[in-house]
Amino acid sequence: MGSTRLQLIPAATLGALLTSCVSGSAASHNLDELLDSNDQLRHVVELRGIMDDLLLDLTGRVAALGATAAVAHAIEDDDPDALDRELQDAVQVGAVGVAVQTGQILDQVASDQTDLVHVGDPSLEALHQLLDLLKAPSDSLATELRLTRQLARYAAYCPGRLARERALLGMGPWLLKLEVSSPADPPRVPAEEEDVRELLSRFITTWSDAPRVGVQGLQAAADDLLDRELDLQGLWRVLKALEAVAERDNATEEMKPILFRVARTLEGRALALALGSGLRDFDPLVRAAAMETGMRFLGPGFVLDALDSLTPRQPDSQGRVARTRVYGLFPIVPGEGLVVQRVLDQLAAGGLDLPADMDPNLRNVTRLRVLSLVIAISYDVVTFDEASRASALRALTALAPEGPGSRRKEEWEAWWREFARSAQTSPPEGSPEDTAVNDLKNV
């Protein structure tokens, strides 16, 4: 029994010491460097690497190793025969490893003559840094703010399409956690930069004073900050400042809920604006990512709206195109096959997932109209490309398991005509033009 316990101590502690880690703070620093104040990518930047963060964290690593050694010595003092050779070897190997790592870090730091490096492809570097940031743990309010502000900024403003796509796909779980219910359009009259600076200054001042004078002023400053309409750039600046505030360890128990409320509210607003930007993005790849994230994390209402957006619409006499009624999605345009495919593939993967308390008649009508739309897409060779029509057939297999289950549109057409006749519904006649998906306001 004792031997098993001894083997678990070094395995848990030294494993944490000696495995490589991904640094969220380094990735966020690098992302701040890569985009300038005008949201343009820079080629000459100050990049922070894993060596820098390991140097900053070295004290903690040595302390953890010391704790392991202390446990070993304590066991040895209590019962010298209980200390097996494996634990002694593990501690010794761990000490050597940390010492070697320390020497490598110091050599690396000493050899750096300049902090500036030239990045040949900053858009690709931004993608790598985003991936590193998404892998890093976000287990505190400060690390959470660090992640969400970078996701929001890069989803909306990064010139690199792959970075925008990755930021949109990565924000999905945070939409759920922050209870974001819909994408957002930019405010018509956002607060000016000087107003944002003044609001932030007041919040930070009252935060510093709160431990001495109480939270009344801090609460008023927080309310003022939340009452103002901020655009995404303003929100990014505020979230960055709140990240610095959250990293301090001077909050009283009365102060913490105020900071939490402000941070969580503004994080949600930033991600809603970023998702809205993605849904309006000019690049089909990015727009497809935004559609996928919305369908996966905003619920069945968004799924139905996304399907409604697959119906092409003609501009009116003033050149305006009607958006969907609930989430304001723009309809597809020629050449957006990738968006259509992503919507249909996500429908095949996740289904309709209509609310459990939905009226049975409305549920049936909704399902029939979705089937009607997808059937129409499957054989509309004028509007939809071959890959989109193939995606429609895959979605039909998921939506109607009682159907033929094939990839032949003729079989699905025959099934639909019989199914629609039995349901006293007319099948589509060659085009999805008039196949509105559902009355979204009833969902």
Foldseek 3Di string as FASTA:
>chain_A
DLQVVLVVLLCVLLVVLQDQAQDLVQLLQVLCFQQDPVREGDFKGQHDDSLVVCVVCLVVSVVSLVVLVVVLVVVCVVPVVSRDPVSVVSSVVSVVSSVVSVVVSVVVVVPDPDRIDGHPDSLVVNQVSLVSNLPHDQPFLLSVLSNLLSLLCQLQRHPRLNSVLVSLLSCLVVCQVLVQQAADAADPDADDPVVLVVLLVQLVVLQVCCVPPNCPSNLVSLVVNVVGRHGLSSLSVSSNSLSVVRPDDPDDPVRVVSSVVSNSVSSSNSSSHSLVSQLVDPDLSSNLSSLLSCDVHNALLSLLQLLQLQADDDADPVRDAFAGDPRRGHHDDPPNQVNLLSSLLSCLVPPNCDDPPADPVQVVVLLLLSLLSLLLQLPQVPRHPNSSNQSSLSNCCSSCVVAPNDSDSVRVVVVSCVVCVVVVHDHDDNHCNPSRRHDSVSD
